[in-house]
Amino acid sequence: MTAKVSDATSQIFVLSKDPKVQKAAGSLKQRGCAITYAPKPLGAARAARGCDVAVIDLDRGGYSVAKDIKASSPDTKVVMLCDRSHDRWLCMQAGADIVFIKPLQDLPDFVEQIEALALS
């Protein structure tokens, strides 16, 4: 499932099967962002190349995807999601700029932080 907005100013890549995450990130289309969704980690780092923000779920192979993105596109901001608070350190080692623990409790904050990263 891939959706792009041609006149968008910010590119956001999403690797998550969580419908709440997809919907929250998708709401950024209304704010002028282009959203690309990846259904699986295979090829995800390549698909995220050149994006402004990558939203990555740790349980979707996120550790290696985040490391690959940071290695090939160091300016890309990485937002990682994990299921357990004690996995936060793993996300930070992978290069995450921000880590959220699932389930997401504050979706507006999640969206605002992604947008802020995209515009920085």
PDB file of N, CA and C in Angstrom:
ATOM      1  N   MET A   1       0.850  -1.151   0.000  1.00  0.00           N
ATOM      2  CA  MET A   1       0.000   0.000   0.000  1.00  0.00           C
ATOM      3  C   MET A   1       0.906   1.227   0.000  1.00  0.00           C
ATOM      4  N   THR A   2       0.951   1.972  -1.059  1.00  0.00           N
ATOM      5  CA  THR A   2       1.785   3.165  -1.148  1.00  0.00           C
ATOM      6  C   THR A   2       0.937   4.336  -1.595  1.00  0.00           C
ATOM      7  N   ALA A   3       1.076   5.441  -0.881  1.00  0.00           N
ATOM      8  CA  ALA A   3       0.344   6.647  -1.242  1.00  0.00           C
ATOM      9  C   ALA A   3       1.315   7.803  -1.245  1.00  0.00           C
ATOM     10  N   LYS A   4       1.297   8.597  -2.286  1.00  0.00           N
ATOM     11  CA  LYS A   4       2.173   9.755  -2.375  1.00  0.00           C
ATOM     12  C   LYS A   4       1.367  10.970  -2.806  1.00  0.00           C
ATOM     13  N   VAL A   5       1.793  12.109  -2.331  1.00  0.00           N
ATOM     14  CA  VAL A   5       1.201  13.375  -2.734  1.00  0.00           C
ATOM     15  C   VAL A   5       2.287  14.129  -3.475  1.00  0.00           C
ATOM     16  N   SER A   6       2.095  14.399  -4.736  1.00  0.00           N
ATOM     17  CA  SER A   6       3.165  14.946  -5.573  1.00  0.00           C
ATOM     18  C   SER A   6       3.615  16.349  -5.185  1.00  0.00           C
ATOM     19  N   ASP A   7       2.730  17.177  -4.652  1.00  0.00           N
ATOM     20  CA  ASP A   7       3.120  18.544  -4.340  1.00  0.00           C
ATOM     21  C   ASP A   7       3.498  18.721  -2.869  1.00  0.00           C
ATOM     22  N   ALA A   8       3.766  17.645  -2.175  1.00  0.00           N
ATOM     23  CA  ALA A   8       4.082  17.706  -0.755  1.00  0.00           C
ATOM     24  C   ALA A   8       5.475  18.257  -0.521  1.00  0.00           C
ATOM     25  N   THR A   9       5.641  18.876   0.626  1.00  0.00           N
ATOM     26  CA  THR A   9       6.941  19.428   0.970  1.00  0.00           C
ATOM     27  C   THR A   9       7.764  18.479   1.819  1.00  0.00           C
ATOM     28  N   SER A  10       7.138  17.629   2.580  1.00  0.00           N
ATOM     29  CA  SER A  10       7.850  16.693   3.452  1.00  0.00           C
ATOM     30  C   SER A  10       7.484  15.264   3.094  1.00  0.00           C
ATOM     31  N   GLN A  11       8.506  14.397   3.093  1.00  0.00           N
ATOM     32  CA  GLN A  11       8.319  12.985   2.785  1.00  0.00           C
ATOM     33  C   GLN A  11       8.395  12.187   4.080  1.00  0.00           C
ATOM     34  N   ILE A  12       7.362  11.405   4.351  1.00  0.00           N
ATOM     35  CA  ILE A  12       7.322  10.586   5.556  1.00  0.00           C
ATOM     36  C   ILE A  12       7.139   9.132   5.146  1.00  0.00           C
ATOM     37  N   PHE A  13       7.992   8.286   5.690  1.00  0.00           N
ATOM     38  CA  PHE A  13       7.974   6.859   5.417  1.00  0.00           C
ATOM     39  C   PHE A  13       7.458   6.131   6.662  1.00  0.00           C
ATOM     40  N   VAL A  14       6.560   5.158   6.473  1.00  0.00           N
ATOM     41  CA  VAL A  14       5.967   4.435   7.597  1.00  0.00           C
ATOM     42  C   VAL A  14       6.128   2.931   7.398  1.00  0.00           C
ATOM     43  N   LEU A  15       6.804   2.290   8.362  1.00  0.00           N
ATOM     44  CA  LEU A  15       6.912   0.831   8.400  1.00  0.00           C
ATOM     45  C   LEU A  15       6.240   0.371   9.693  1.00  0.00           C
ATOM     46  N   SER A  16       4.939   0.144   9.622  1.00  0.00           N
ATOM     47  CA  SER A  16       4.168  -0.310  10.773  1.00  0.00           C
ATOM     48  C   SER A  16       2.876  -0.927  10.271  1.00  0.00           C
ATOM     49  N   LYS A  17       2.496  -2.019  10.899  1.00  0.00           N
ATOM     50  CA  LYS A  17       1.213  -2.639  10.542  1.00  0.00           C
ATOM     51  C   LYS A  17       0.097  -2.179  11.470  1.00  0.00           C
ATOM     52  N   ASP A  18       0.438  -1.351  12.453  1.00  0.00           N
ATOM     53  CA  ASP A  18      -0.537  -0.847  13.420  1.00  0.00           C
ATOM     54  C   ASP A  18      -1.469   0.159  12.741  1.00  0.00           C
ATOM     55  N   PRO A  19      -2.771  -0.135  12.680  1.00  0.00           N
ATOM     56  CA  PRO A  19      -3.712   0.774  12.011  1.00  0.00           C
ATOM     57  C   PRO A  19      -3.744   2.184  12.623  1.00  0.00           C
ATOM     58  N   LYS A  20      -3.562   2.295  13.949  1.00  0.00           N
ATOM     59  CA  LYS A  20      -3.543   3.612  14.580  1.00  0.00           C
ATOM     60  C   LYS A  20      -2.348   4.432  14.105  1.00  0.00           C
ATOM     61  N   VAL A  21      -1.215   3.774  13.991  1.00  0.00           N
ATOM     62  CA  VAL A  21      -0.003   4.460  13.529  1.00  0.00           C
ATOM     63  C   VAL A  21      -0.178   4.896  12.084  1.00  0.00           C
ATOM     64  N   GLN A  22      -0.692   4.007  11.243  1.00  0.00           N
ATOM     65  CA  GLN A  22      -0.906   4.338   9.840  1.00  0.00           C
ATOM     66  C   GLN A  22      -1.895   5.486   9.690  1.00  0.00           C
ATOM     67  N   LYS A  23      -2.974   5.451  10.465  1.00  0.00           N
ATOM     68  CA  LYS A  23      -3.977   6.510  10.374  1.00  0.00           C
ATOM     69  C   LYS A  23      -3.410   7.835  10.864  1.00  0.00           C
ATOM     70  N   ALA A  24      -2.677   7.798  11.976  1.00  0.00           N
ATOM     71  CA  ALA A  24      -2.098   9.030  12.522  1.00  0.00           C
ATOM     72  C   ALA A  24      -1.104   9.636  11.542  1.00  0.00           C
ATOM     73  N   ALA A  25      -0.218   8.812  11.007  1.00  0.00           N
ATOM     74  CA  ALA A  25       0.756   9.312  10.030  1.00  0.00           C
ATOM     75  C   ALA A  25       0.038   9.789   8.772  1.00  0.00           C
ATOM     76  N   GLY A  26      -0.979   9.058   8.355  1.00  0.00           N
ATOM     77  CA  GLY A  26      -1.746   9.438   7.169  1.00  0.00           C
ATOM     78  C   GLY A  26      -2.434  10.781   7.308  1.00  0.00           C
ATOM     79  N   SER A  27      -2.748  11.176   8.547  1.00  0.00           N
ATOM     80  CA  SER A  27      -3.395  12.476   8.754  1.00  0.00           C
ATOM     81  C   SER A  27      -2.468  13.628   8.351  1.00  0.00           C
ATOM     82  N   LEU A  28      -1.190  13.361   8.230  1.00  0.00           N
ATOM     83  CA  LEU A  28      -0.247  14.403   7.820  1.00  0.00           C
ATOM     84  C   LEU A  28      -0.370  14.756   6.336  1.00  0.00           C
ATOM     85  N   LYS A  29      -1.080  13.936   5.576  1.00  0.00           N
ATOM     86  CA  LYS A  29      -1.339  14.271   4.167  1.00  0.00           C
ATOM     87  C   LYS A  29      -2.094  15.592   4.084  1.00  0.00           C
ATOM     88  N   GLN A  30      -3.020  15.790   5.015  1.00  0.00           N
ATOM     89  CA  GLN A  30      -3.817  17.020   5.029  1.00  0.00           C
ATOM     90  C   GLN A  30      -2.957  18.236   5.336  1.00  0.00           C
ATOM     91  N   ARG A  31      -1.782  18.010   5.870  1.00  0.00           N
ATOM     92  CA  ARG A  31      -0.861  19.103   6.209  1.00  0.00           C
ATOM     93  C   ARG A  31       0.233  19.253   5.160  1.00  0.00           C
ATOM     94  N   GLY A  32       0.062  18.572   4.018  1.00  0.00           N
ATOM     95  CA  GLY A  32       0.985  18.739   2.905  1.00  0.00           C
ATOM     96  C   GLY A  32       2.136  17.767   2.849  1.00  0.00           C
ATOM     97  N   CYS A  33       2.091  16.698   3.621  1.00  0.00           N
ATOM     98  CA  CYS A  33       3.172  15.709   3.612  1.00  0.00           C
ATOM     99  C   CYS A  33       2.836  14.553   2.674  1.00  0.00           C
ATOM    100  N   ALA A  34       3.855  13.989   2.084  1.00  0.00           N
ATOM    101  CA  ALA A  34       3.688  12.772   1.282  1.00  0.00           C
ATOM    102  C   ALA A  34       3.997  11.596   2.192  1.00  0.00           C
ATOM    103  N   ILE A  35       3.143  10.598   2.173  1.00  0.00           N
ATOM    104  CA  ILE A  35       3.304   9.432   3.034  1.00  0.00           C
ATOM    105  C   ILE A  35       3.539   8.208   2.165  1.00  0.00           C
ATOM    106  N   THR A  36       4.580   7.447   2.504  1.00  0.00           N
ATOM    107  CA  THR A  36       4.845   6.176   1.838  1.00  0.00           C
ATOM    108  C   THR A  36       4.763   5.081   2.886  1.00  0.00           C
ATOM    109  N   TYR A  37       3.933   4.075   2.643  1.00  0.00           N
ATOM    110  CA  TYR A  37       3.780   2.961   3.571  1.00  0.00           C
ATOM    111  C   TYR A  37       4.534   1.745   3.036  1.00  0.00           C
ATOM    112  N   ALA A  38       5.193   1.038   3.931  1.00  0.00           N
ATOM    113  CA  ALA A  38       5.847  -0.221   3.557  1.00  0.00           C
ATOM    114  C   ALA A  38       5.172  -1.343   4.339  1.00  0.00           C
ATOM    115  N   PRO A  39       4.733  -2.376   3.658  1.00  0.00           N
ATOM    116  CA  PRO A  39       4.054  -3.461   4.348  1.00  0.00           C
ATOM    117  C   PRO A  39       5.009  -4.415   5.075  1.00  0.00           C
ATOM    118  N   LYS A  40       6.281  -4.427   4.684  1.00  0.00           N
ATOM    119  CA  LYS A  40       7.241  -5.351   5.309  1.00  0.00           C
ATOM    120  C   LYS A  40       8.641  -4.731   5.265  1.00  0.00           C
ATOM    121  N   PRO A  41       9.539  -5.220   6.098  1.00  0.00           N
ATOM    122  CA  PRO A  41      10.868  -4.612   6.185  1.00  0.00           C
ATOM    123  C   PRO A  41      11.767  -4.843   4.970  1.00  0.00           C
ATOM    124  N   LEU A  42      11.505  -5.880   4.188  1.00  0.00           N
ATOM    125  CA  LEU A  42      12.339  -6.155   3.029  1.00  0.00           C
ATOM    126  C   LEU A  42      12.307  -4.975   2.062  1.00  0.00           C
ATOM    127  N   GLY A  43      13.434  -4.348   1.843  1.00  0.00           N
ATOM    128  CA  GLY A  43      13.525  -3.206   0.943  1.00  0.00           C
ATOM    129  C   GLY A  43      13.084  -1.889   1.555  1.00  0.00           C
ATOM    130  N   ALA A  44      12.741  -1.900   2.836  1.00  0.00           N
ATOM    131  CA  ALA A  44      12.216  -0.689   3.474  1.00  0.00           C
ATOM    132  C   ALA A  44      13.267   0.418   3.543  1.00  0.00           C
ATOM    133  N   ALA A  45      14.493   0.080   3.863  1.00  0.00           N
ATOM    134  CA  ALA A  45      15.531   1.118   3.967  1.00  0.00           C
ATOM    135  C   ALA A  45      15.736   1.800   2.620  1.00  0.00           C
ATOM    136  N   ARG A  46      15.686   1.046   1.555  1.00  0.00           N
ATOM    137  CA  ARG A  46      15.833   1.617   0.212  1.00  0.00           C
ATOM    138  C   ARG A  46      14.642   2.515  -0.113  1.00  0.00           C
ATOM    139  N   ALA A  47      13.449   2.064   0.251  1.00  0.00           N
ATOM    140  CA  ALA A  47      12.235   2.847  -0.019  1.00  0.00           C
ATOM    141  C   ALA A  47      12.210   4.144   0.783  1.00  0.00           C
ATOM    142  N   ALA A  48      12.867   4.143   1.943  1.00  0.00           N
ATOM    143  CA  ALA A  48      12.868   5.326   2.807  1.00  0.00           C
ATOM    144  C   ALA A  48      13.973   6.311   2.456  1.00  0.00           C
ATOM    145  N   ARG A  49      14.847   5.939   1.539  1.00  0.00           N
ATOM    146  CA  ARG A  49      15.970   6.807   1.195  1.00  0.00           C
ATOM    147  C   ARG A  49      15.483   8.182   0.734  1.00  0.00           C
ATOM    148  N   GLY A  50      16.028   9.219   1.342  1.00  0.00           N
ATOM    149  CA  GLY A  50      15.682  10.578   0.951  1.00  0.00           C
ATOM    150  C   GLY A  50      14.449  11.143   1.635  1.00  0.00           C
ATOM    151  N   CYS A  51      13.785  10.347   2.470  1.00  0.00           N
ATOM    152  CA  CYS A  51      12.613  10.891   3.158  1.00  0.00           C
ATOM    153  C   CYS A  51      13.067  11.776   4.314  1.00  0.00           C
ATOM    154  N   ASP A  52      12.176  12.619   4.778  1.00  0.00           N
ATOM    155  CA  ASP A  52      12.489  13.510   5.900  1.00  0.00           C
ATOM    156  C   ASP A  52      12.366  12.796   7.236  1.00  0.00           C
ATOM    157  N   VAL A  53      11.324  11.970   7.358  1.00  0.00           N
ATOM    158  CA  VAL A  53      11.066  11.248   8.603  1.00  0.00           C
ATOM    159  C   VAL A  53      10.699   9.812   8.268  1.00  0.00           C
ATOM    160  N   ALA A  54      11.263   8.865   9.035  1.00  0.00           N
ATOM    161  CA  ALA A  54      10.888   7.460   8.913  1.00  0.00           C
ATOM    162  C   ALA A  54      10.267   7.029  10.231  1.00  0.00           C
ATOM    163  N   VAL A  55       9.048   6.518  10.179  1.00  0.00           N
ATOM    164  CA  VAL A  55       8.350   5.999  11.354  1.00  0.00           C
ATOM    165  C   VAL A  55       8.442   4.479  11.257  1.00  0.00           C
ATOM    166  N   ILE A  56       9.129   3.876  12.228  1.00  0.00           N
ATOM    167  CA  ILE A  56       9.460   2.457  12.126  1.00  0.00           C
ATOM    168  C   ILE A  56       9.045   1.716  13.383  1.00  0.00           C
ATOM    169  N   ASP A  57       8.374   0.599  13.191  1.00  0.00           N
ATOM    170  CA  ASP A  57       7.958  -0.262  14.281  1.00  0.00           C
ATOM    171  C   ASP A  57       9.082  -1.263  14.553  1.00  0.00           C
ATOM    172  N   LEU A  58       9.566  -1.309  15.789  1.00  0.00           N
ATOM    173  CA  LEU A  58      10.661  -2.205  16.138  1.00  0.00           C
ATOM    174  C   LEU A  58      10.312  -3.650  15.823  1.00  0.00           C
ATOM    175  N   ASP A  59       9.061  -4.046  16.056  1.00  0.00           N
ATOM    176  CA  ASP A  59       8.689  -5.447  15.826  1.00  0.00           C
ATOM    177  C   ASP A  59       8.499  -5.791  14.350  1.00  0.00           C
ATOM    178  N   ARG A  60       8.721  -4.866  13.462  1.00  0.00           N
ATOM    179  CA  ARG A  60       8.648  -5.134  12.025  1.00  0.00           C
ATOM    180  C   ARG A  60      10.056  -5.175  11.418  1.00  0.00           C
ATOM    181  N   GLY A  61      11.044  -5.614  12.185  1.00  0.00           N
ATOM    182  CA  GLY A  61      12.416  -5.622  11.695  1.00  0.00           C
ATOM    183  C   GLY A  61      13.032  -4.250  11.780  1.00  0.00           C
ATOM    184  N   GLY A  62      12.501  -3.427  12.656  1.00  0.00           N
ATOM    185  CA  GLY A  62      12.866  -2.020  12.726  1.00  0.00           C
ATOM    186  C   GLY A  62      14.293  -1.714  13.088  1.00  0.00           C
ATOM    187  N   TYR A  63      14.933  -2.558  13.899  1.00  0.00           N
ATOM    188  CA  TYR A  63      16.304  -2.269  14.310  1.00  0.00           C
ATOM    189  C   TYR A  63      17.216  -2.168  13.096  1.00  0.00           C
ATOM    190  N   SER A  64      17.213  -3.194  12.260  1.00  0.00           N
ATOM    191  CA  SER A  64      18.107  -3.175  11.095  1.00  0.00           C
ATOM    192  C   SER A  64      17.675  -2.140  10.062  1.00  0.00           C
ATOM    193  N   VAL A  65      16.372  -1.930   9.912  1.00  0.00           N
ATOM    194  CA  VAL A  65      15.885  -0.925   8.965  1.00  0.00           C
ATOM    195  C   VAL A  65      16.342   0.468   9.398  1.00  0.00           C
ATOM    196  N   ALA A  66      16.195   0.781  10.685  1.00  0.00           N
ATOM    197  CA  ALA A  66      16.608   2.094  11.184  1.00  0.00           C
ATOM    198  C   ALA A  66      18.113   2.296  11.013  1.00  0.00           C
ATOM    199  N   LYS A  67      18.905   1.283  11.323  1.00  0.00           N
ATOM    200  CA  LYS A  67      20.357   1.395  11.167  1.00  0.00           C
ATOM    201  C   LYS A  67      20.722   1.625   9.696  1.00  0.00           C
ATOM    202  N   ASP A  68      20.054   0.911   8.794  1.00  0.00           N
ATOM    203  CA  ASP A  68      20.315   1.076   7.359  1.00  0.00           C
ATOM    204  C   ASP A  68      19.930   2.480   6.885  1.00  0.00           C
ATOM    205  N   ILE A  69      18.796   2.982   7.361  1.00  0.00           N
ATOM    206  CA  ILE A  69      18.360   4.329   6.971  1.00  0.00           C
ATOM    207  C   ILE A  69      19.366   5.360   7.451  1.00  0.00           C
ATOM    208  N   LYS A  70      19.777   5.259   8.704  1.00  0.00           N
ATOM    209  CA  LYS A  70      20.734   6.226   9.255  1.00  0.00           C
ATOM    210  C   LYS A  70      22.082   6.152   8.533  1.00  0.00           C
ATOM    211  N   ALA A  71      22.468   4.953   8.101  1.00  0.00           N
ATOM    212  CA  ALA A  71      23.745   4.800   7.385  1.00  0.00           C
ATOM    213  C   ALA A  71      23.671   5.406   5.991  1.00  0.00           C
ATOM    214  N   SER A  72      22.549   5.234   5.305  1.00  0.00           N
ATOM    215  CA  SER A  72      22.455   5.714   3.920  1.00  0.00           C
ATOM    216  C   SER A  72      21.900   7.133   3.813  1.00  0.00           C
ATOM    217  N   SER A  73      21.104   7.558   4.784  1.00  0.00           N
ATOM    218  CA  SER A  73      20.494   8.896   4.778  1.00  0.00           C
ATOM    219  C   SER A  73      20.566   9.485   6.182  1.00  0.00           C
ATOM    220  N   PRO A  74      21.754   9.933   6.608  1.00  0.00           N
ATOM    221  CA  PRO A  74      21.913  10.393   7.993  1.00  0.00           C
ATOM    222  C   PRO A  74      21.031  11.580   8.380  1.00  0.00           C
ATOM    223  N   ASP A  75      20.543  12.326   7.416  1.00  0.00           N
ATOM    224  CA  ASP A  75      19.676  13.467   7.734  1.00  0.00           C
ATOM    225  C   ASP A  75      18.227  13.059   7.993  1.00  0.00           C
ATOM    226  N   THR A  76      17.869  11.830   7.662  1.00  0.00           N
ATOM    227  CA  THR A  76      16.511  11.353   7.907  1.00  0.00           C
ATOM    228  C   THR A  76      16.297  11.195   9.408  1.00  0.00           C
ATOM    229  N   LYS A  77      15.228  11.784   9.902  1.00  0.00           N
ATOM    230  CA  LYS A  77      14.856  11.642  11.316  1.00  0.00           C
ATOM    231  C   LYS A  77      14.091  10.341  11.475  1.00  0.00           C
ATOM    232  N   VAL A  78      14.406   9.589  12.522  1.00  0.00           N
ATOM    233  CA  VAL A  78      13.781   8.288  12.741  1.00  0.00           C
ATOM    234  C   VAL A  78      12.939   8.313  14.014  1.00  0.00           C
ATOM    235  N   VAL A  79      11.674   7.961  13.853  1.00  0.00           N
ATOM    236  CA  VAL A  79      10.745   7.806  14.970  1.00  0.00           C
ATOM    237  C   VAL A  79      10.480   6.310  15.085  1.00  0.00           C
ATOM    238  N   MET A  80      10.789   5.755  16.247  1.00  0.00           N
ATOM    239  CA  MET A  80      10.590   4.311  16.419  1.00  0.00           C
ATOM    240  C   MET A  80       9.505   4.037  17.440  1.00  0.00           C
ATOM    241  N   LEU A  81       8.830   2.912  17.221  1.00  0.00           N
ATOM    242  CA  LEU A  81       7.770   2.446  18.103  1.00  0.00           C
ATOM    243  C   LEU A  81       8.169   1.086  18.663  1.00  0.00           C
ATOM    244  N   CYS A  82       7.998   0.916  19.959  1.00  0.00           N
ATOM    245  CA  CYS A  82       8.287  -0.395  20.539  1.00  0.00           C
ATOM    246  C   CYS A  82       7.182  -0.765  21.515  1.00  0.00           C
ATOM    247  N   ASP A  83       7.074  -2.052  21.801  1.00  0.00           N
ATOM    248  CA  ASP A  83       6.002  -2.551  22.663  1.00  0.00           C
ATOM    249  C   ASP A  83       6.328  -2.451  24.148  1.00  0.00           C
ATOM    250  N   ARG A  84       7.608  -2.438  24.479  1.00  0.00           N
ATOM    251  CA  ARG A  84       8.008  -2.451  25.889  1.00  0.00           C
ATOM    252  C   ARG A  84       8.949  -1.297  26.167  1.00  0.00           C
ATOM    253  N   SER A  85       8.767  -0.644  27.278  1.00  0.00           N
ATOM    254  CA  SER A  85       9.590   0.521  27.612  1.00  0.00           C
ATOM    255  C   SER A  85      11.066   0.150  27.729  1.00  0.00           C
ATOM    256  N   HIS A  86      11.368  -1.077  28.133  1.00  0.00           N
ATOM    257  CA  HIS A  86      12.783  -1.443  28.251  1.00  0.00           C
ATOM    258  C   HIS A  86      13.452  -1.697  26.893  1.00  0.00           C
ATOM    259  N   ASP A  87      12.706  -1.621  25.804  1.00  0.00           N
ATOM    260  CA  ASP A  87      13.296  -1.714  24.465  1.00  0.00           C
ATOM    261  C   ASP A  87      13.683  -0.343  23.911  1.00  0.00           C
ATOM    262  N   ARG A  88      13.403   0.708  24.674  1.00  0.00           N
ATOM    263  CA  ARG A  88      13.730   2.066  24.241  1.00  0.00           C
ATOM    264  C   ARG A  88      15.217   2.197  23.902  1.00  0.00           C
ATOM    265  N   TRP A  89      16.081   1.595  24.722  1.00  0.00           N
ATOM    266  CA  TRP A  89      17.528   1.685  24.488  1.00  0.00           C
ATOM    267  C   TRP A  89      17.910   1.056  23.152  1.00  0.00           C
ATOM    268  N   LEU A  90      17.232  -0.026  22.781  1.00  0.00           N
ATOM    269  CA  LEU A  90      17.516  -0.682  21.506  1.00  0.00           C
ATOM    270  C   LEU A  90      17.168   0.247  20.344  1.00  0.00           C
ATOM    271  N   CYS A  91      16.051   0.936  20.463  1.00  0.00           N
ATOM    272  CA  CYS A  91      15.655   1.899  19.433  1.00  0.00           C
ATOM    273  C   CYS A  91      16.674   3.032  19.326  1.00  0.00           C
ATOM    274  N   MET A  92      17.147   3.513  20.464  1.00  0.00           N
ATOM    275  CA  MET A  92      18.140   4.592  20.450  1.00  0.00           C
ATOM    276  C   MET A  92      19.448   4.115  19.814  1.00  0.00           C
ATOM    277  N   GLN A  93      19.851   2.885  20.082  1.00  0.00           N
ATOM    278  CA  GLN A  93      21.057   2.330  19.457  1.00  0.00           C
ATOM    279  C   GLN A  93      20.886   2.200  17.948  1.00  0.00           C
ATOM    280  N   ALA A  94      19.667   1.992  17.506  1.00  0.00           N
ATOM    281  CA  ALA A  94      19.406   1.865  16.073  1.00  0.00           C
ATOM    282  C   ALA A  94      19.408   3.220  15.374  1.00  0.00           C
ATOM    283  N   GLY A  95      19.427   4.304  16.174  1.00  0.00           N
ATOM    284  CA  GLY A  95      19.475   5.635  15.578  1.00  0.00           C
ATOM    285  C   GLY A  95      18.200   6.443  15.707  1.00  0.00           C
ATOM    286  N   ALA A  96      17.280   6.001  16.557  1.00  0.00           N
ATOM    287  CA  ALA A  96      16.014   6.720  16.718  1.00  0.00           C
ATOM    288  C   ALA A  96      16.244   8.110  17.297  1.00  0.00           C
ATOM    289  N   ASP A  97      15.533   9.076  16.738  1.00  0.00           N
ATOM    290  CA  ASP A  97      15.530  10.431  17.277  1.00  0.00           C
ATOM    291  C   ASP A  97      14.467  10.567  18.359  1.00  0.00           C
ATOM    292  N   ILE A  98      13.363   9.843  18.188  1.00  0.00           N
ATOM    293  CA  ILE A  98      12.272   9.819  19.162  1.00  0.00           C
ATOM    294  C   ILE A  98      11.766   8.382  19.249  1.00  0.00           C
ATOM    295  N   VAL A  99      11.395   7.971  20.461  1.00  0.00           N
ATOM    296  CA  VAL A  99      10.837   6.636  20.666  1.00  0.00           C
ATOM    297  C   VAL A  99       9.473   6.766  21.351  1.00  0.00           C
ATOM    298  N   PHE A 100       8.486   6.041  20.827  1.00  0.00           N
ATOM    299  CA  PHE A 100       7.165   5.970  21.429  1.00  0.00           C
ATOM    300  C   PHE A 100       6.911   4.525  21.848  1.00  0.00           C
ATOM    301  N   ILE A 101       6.251   4.377  22.990  1.00  0.00           N
ATOM    302  CA  ILE A 101       5.872   3.056  23.473  1.00  0.00           C
ATOM    303  C   ILE A 101       4.427   2.800  23.056  1.00  0.00           C
ATOM    304  N   LYS A 102       4.186   1.617  22.466  1.00  0.00           N
ATOM    305  CA  LYS A 102       2.836   1.245  22.060  1.00  0.00           C
ATOM    306  C   LYS A 102       2.125   0.558  23.222  1.00  0.00           C
ATOM    307  N   PRO A 103       0.838   0.651  23.285  1.00  0.00           N
ATOM    308  CA  PRO A 103      -0.011   1.374  22.349  1.00  0.00           C
ATOM    309  C   PRO A 103       0.108   2.887  22.559  1.00  0.00           C
ATOM    310  N   LEU A 104      -0.020   3.602  21.473  1.00  0.00           N
ATOM    311  CA  LEU A 104       0.085   5.055  21.532  1.00  0.00           C
ATOM    312  C   LEU A 104      -1.071   5.613  22.351  1.00  0.00           C
ATOM    313  N   GLN A 105      -0.737   6.410  23.345  1.00  0.00           N
ATOM    314  CA  GLN A 105      -1.756   6.991  24.213  1.00  0.00           C
ATOM    315  C   GLN A 105      -2.199   8.373  23.749  1.00  0.00           C
ATOM    316  N   ASP A 106      -1.277   9.116  23.137  1.00  0.00           N
ATOM    317  CA  ASP A 106      -1.564  10.502  22.758  1.00  0.00           C
ATOM    318  C   ASP A 106      -1.286  10.678  21.263  1.00  0.00           C
ATOM    319  N   LEU A 107      -2.267  10.321  20.449  1.00  0.00           N
ATOM    320  CA  LEU A 107      -2.075  10.396  18.993  1.00  0.00           C
ATOM    321  C   LEU A 107      -1.793  11.810  18.499  1.00  0.00           C
ATOM    322  N   PRO A 108      -2.457  12.851  19.014  1.00  0.00           N
ATOM    323  CA  PRO A 108      -2.128  14.200  18.541  1.00  0.00           C
ATOM    324  C   PRO A 108      -0.657  14.559  18.796  1.00  0.00           C
ATOM    325  N   ASP A 109      -0.113  14.155  19.947  1.00  0.00           N
ATOM    326  CA  ASP A 109       1.295  14.424  20.244  1.00  0.00           C
ATOM    327  C   ASP A 109       2.199  13.668  19.266  1.00  0.00           C
ATOM    328  N   PHE A 110       1.848  12.434  18.966  1.00  0.00           N
ATOM    329  CA  PHE A 110       2.595  11.614  18.012  1.00  0.00           C
ATOM    330  C   PHE A 110       2.663  12.323  16.656  1.00  0.00           C
ATOM    331  N   VAL A 111       1.520  12.778  16.176  1.00  0.00           N
ATOM    332  CA  VAL A 111       1.452  13.460  14.886  1.00  0.00           C
ATOM    333  C   VAL A 111       2.240  14.767  14.919  1.00  0.00           C
ATOM    334  N   GLU A 112       2.090  15.531  15.996  1.00  0.00           N
ATOM    335  CA  GLU A 112       2.800  16.810  16.109  1.00  0.00           C
ATOM    336  C   GLU A 112       4.310  16.616  16.112  1.00  0.00           C
ATOM    337  N   GLN A 113       4.784  15.588  16.787  1.00  0.00           N
ATOM    338  CA  GLN A 113       6.227  15.348  16.843  1.00  0.00           C
ATOM    339  C   GLN A 113       6.774  14.913  15.479  1.00  0.00           C
ATOM    340  N   ILE A 114       6.022  14.106  14.767  1.00  0.00           N
ATOM    341  CA  ILE A 114       6.453  13.706  13.417  1.00  0.00           C
ATOM    342  C   ILE A 114       6.493  14.940  12.517  1.00  0.00           C
ATOM    343  N   GLU A 115       5.454  15.752  12.585  1.00  0.00           N
ATOM    344  CA  GLU A 115       5.412  16.961  11.755  1.00  0.00           C
ATOM    345  C   GLU A 115       6.564  17.901  12.101  1.00  0.00           C
ATOM    346  N   ALA A 116       6.848  18.064  13.384  1.00  0.00           N
ATOM    347  CA  ALA A 116       7.949  18.944  13.801  1.00  0.00           C
ATOM    348  C   ALA A 116       9.282  18.444  13.247  1.00  0.00           C
ATOM    349  N   LEU A 117       9.492  17.134  13.290  1.00  0.00           N
ATOM    350  CA  LEU A 117      10.727  16.576  12.727  1.00  0.00           C
ATOM    351  C   LEU A 117      10.795  16.797  11.218  1.00  0.00           C
ATOM    352  N   ALA A 118       9.661  16.625  10.559  1.00  0.00           N
ATOM    353  CA  ALA A 118       9.623  16.775   9.103  1.00  0.00           C
ATOM    354  C   ALA A 118       9.950  18.207   8.678  1.00  0.00           C
ATOM    355  N   LEU A 119       9.589  19.150   9.511  1.00  0.00           N
ATOM    356  CA  LEU A 119       9.803  20.562   9.165  1.00  0.00           C
ATOM    357  C   LEU A 119      11.143  21.094   9.662  1.00  0.00           C
ATOM    358  N   SER A 120      11.859  20.301  10.453  1.00  0.00           N
ATOM    359  CA  SER A 120      13.135  20.792  11.000  1.00  0.00           C
ATOM    360  C   SER A 120      14.293  20.581  10.043  1.00  0.00           C
TER     361      SER A 120
END
